[in-house]
Protein backbone atom coordinates (compact mmCIF):
# COMPACT_ATOMS: atom_id res chain seq x y z
CA PRO A 1 50.89 -102.13 -41.94
CA GLU A 2 51.46 -98.87 -40.16
CA ALA A 3 49.45 -97.16 -37.41
CA THR A 4 49.24 -93.43 -36.70
CA PRO A 5 47.79 -92.20 -33.39
CA VAL A 6 44.77 -89.90 -33.75
CA THR A 7 42.38 -88.02 -31.49
CA LYS A 8 38.85 -87.29 -32.68
CA ASN A 9 35.95 -85.97 -30.63
CA GLY A 10 38.01 -86.42 -27.46
CA ARG A 11 38.71 -90.09 -28.19
CA THR A 12 42.13 -91.48 -29.04
CA GLY A 13 42.75 -94.30 -31.46
CA GLN A 14 44.77 -95.29 -34.48
CA ASN A 15 44.50 -94.84 -38.23
CA TRP A 16 45.99 -97.81 -40.06
CA THR A 17 47.65 -97.88 -43.46
CA LEU A 18 47.08 -101.32 -44.93
CA PRO A 19 48.62 -101.65 -48.39
CA HIS A 20 46.83 -104.39 -50.31
CA PHE A 21 46.20 -105.71 -53.80
CA VAL A 22 43.01 -107.26 -55.19
CA GLY A 23 43.46 -110.14 -57.61
CA PRO A 24 41.23 -110.98 -60.57
CA GLN A 25 37.77 -112.43 -60.09
CA ARG A 26 37.58 -116.20 -60.30
CA VAL A 27 34.84 -118.75 -59.72
CA GLU A 28 34.99 -121.33 -56.93
CA GLN A 29 32.45 -123.73 -55.48
CA ASP A 30 30.96 -123.07 -52.07
CA LYS A 31 30.16 -125.85 -49.58
CA LYS A 32 26.85 -126.47 -51.41
CA LYS A 33 28.81 -126.93 -54.67
CA GLN A 34 27.33 -123.70 -56.07
CA ALA A 35 29.51 -121.40 -58.18
CA CYS A 36 30.45 -118.19 -56.39
CA GLU A 37 32.54 -115.15 -57.27
CA THR A 38 35.85 -115.18 -55.42
CA PHE A 39 38.59 -112.56 -55.13
CA ASP A 40 42.01 -112.85 -53.54
CA VAL A 41 43.22 -109.85 -51.55
CA CYS A 42 46.93 -109.78 -50.80
CA PHE A 43 48.31 -108.10 -47.65
CA HIS A 44 51.85 -107.88 -46.32
CA PRO A 45 52.79 -111.04 -44.34
CA SER A 46 53.17 -108.99 -41.14
CA ALA A 47 49.54 -107.84 -41.46
CA VAL A 48 48.42 -111.45 -41.85
CA LEU A 49 50.49 -112.45 -38.81
CA MET A 50 48.93 -109.67 -36.74
CA ALA A 51 45.46 -110.80 -37.86
CA GLU A 52 46.18 -114.36 -36.70
CA HIS A 53 46.79 -113.10 -33.16
CA THR A 54 44.40 -110.15 -32.84
CA PRO A 55 40.67 -110.65 -33.55
CA GLY A 56 40.02 -106.91 -34.00
CA PHE A 57 42.84 -106.63 -36.52
CA LYS A 58 41.53 -109.71 -38.35
CA ASP A 59 38.11 -108.04 -38.58
CA MET A 60 39.74 -104.86 -39.91
CA LEU A 61 41.56 -106.85 -42.63
CA ALA A 62 38.32 -108.63 -43.57
CA ARG A 63 36.41 -105.35 -43.83
CA THR A 64 39.27 -103.76 -45.78
CA SER A 65 39.21 -106.74 -48.16
CA LEU A 66 35.46 -106.48 -48.72
CA ASP A 67 35.66 -102.74 -49.33
CA ALA A 68 38.61 -103.19 -51.73
CA VAL A 69 36.75 -105.84 -53.75
CA VAL A 70 33.68 -103.63 -54.09
CA LYS A 71 35.79 -100.64 -55.22
CA ALA A 72 37.76 -102.77 -57.70
CA VAL A 73 34.63 -104.28 -59.24
CA HIS A 74 32.99 -100.85 -59.52
CA LYS A 75 36.07 -99.52 -61.30
CA VAL A 76 36.36 -102.46 -63.72
CA ARG A 77 32.65 -102.79 -64.52
CA GLN A 78 32.15 -99.01 -64.47
CA SER A 79 28.97 -99.64 -62.50
CA THR A 80 28.00 -99.40 -58.85
CA GLU A 81 25.50 -102.28 -59.00
CA PHE A 82 27.86 -104.79 -57.36
CA ALA A 83 27.49 -104.82 -53.57
CA VAL A 84 28.71 -106.84 -50.60
CA ASP A 85 26.90 -107.02 -47.27
CA ILE A 86 29.83 -105.84 -45.14
CA ASP A 87 27.98 -106.62 -41.91
CA ASN A 88 27.14 -110.19 -42.95
CA TYR A 89 30.43 -111.94 -43.63
CA HIS A 90 32.37 -114.66 -41.86
CA VAL A 91 35.99 -115.69 -41.82
CA LEU A 92 36.45 -119.38 -42.51
CA VAL A 93 38.01 -121.03 -39.47
CA GLY A 94 41.21 -122.91 -40.27
CA ARG A 95 41.28 -121.73 -43.92
CA LYS A 96 43.34 -119.02 -45.51
CA CYS A 97 41.69 -119.32 -48.93
CA ILE A 98 38.90 -120.98 -50.89
CA GLY A 99 40.11 -123.71 -53.21
CA GLU A 100 43.34 -125.61 -52.91
CA LYS A 101 45.68 -122.64 -52.75
CA PRO A 102 45.61 -118.88 -53.34
CA ALA A 103 45.86 -117.78 -56.95
CA ALA A 104 49.21 -116.36 -58.03
CA LEU A 105 49.12 -112.58 -58.16
CA ASN A 106 51.44 -110.25 -60.04
CA VAL A 107 51.79 -107.49 -57.48
CA PRO A 108 53.31 -104.19 -58.66
CA THR A 109 56.52 -103.27 -56.84
CA SER A 110 56.03 -99.51 -57.12
CA LYS A 111 53.25 -96.98 -57.58
CA LYS A 112 54.66 -96.08 -60.99
CA SER A 113 54.13 -99.64 -62.24
CA ALA A 114 50.59 -99.84 -60.84
CA LYS A 115 48.75 -97.93 -63.55
CA VAL A 116 44.95 -97.99 -63.44
CA ALA A 117 44.71 -99.57 -66.89
CA ASP A 118 47.06 -102.38 -65.82
CA ILE A 119 45.09 -103.05 -62.65
CA ALA A 120 41.79 -102.97 -64.54
CA SER A 121 43.05 -105.56 -67.03
CA VAL A 122 44.24 -107.79 -64.20
CA LEU A 123 40.91 -107.50 -62.37
CA SER A 124 38.88 -108.25 -65.48
CA GLY A 125 41.03 -111.28 -66.28
CA SER A 126 42.24 -109.94 -69.63
CA SER A 127 45.89 -109.52 -70.48
CA SER A 128 47.58 -106.71 -72.33
């Protein structure tokens, strides 16, 4: 993660760059044993560490994750019908993922290897 100082409308703040990767959709059971769509979003370990110690940063990562999932699903399904209530989410206390452990993700190491078609196939669960 990287912050850049900004001033807008007389107020100073920071713009953050938060590189992340959205994994493929999978189905997990919620606490009522109902099937629910689940997505893993991978951030750099230093971003996760900052989120563990700073509630505002944790909220920013959560909102970034929700936004990234919506954008990825829209791209894969080529439809804007999928939506997430960004103002009605909660972070599970004491849990870093749903299920036993996070799913393994093949994260591209460079922009050249992260082609849209490759990402779309990963998100849709198909392989090339």
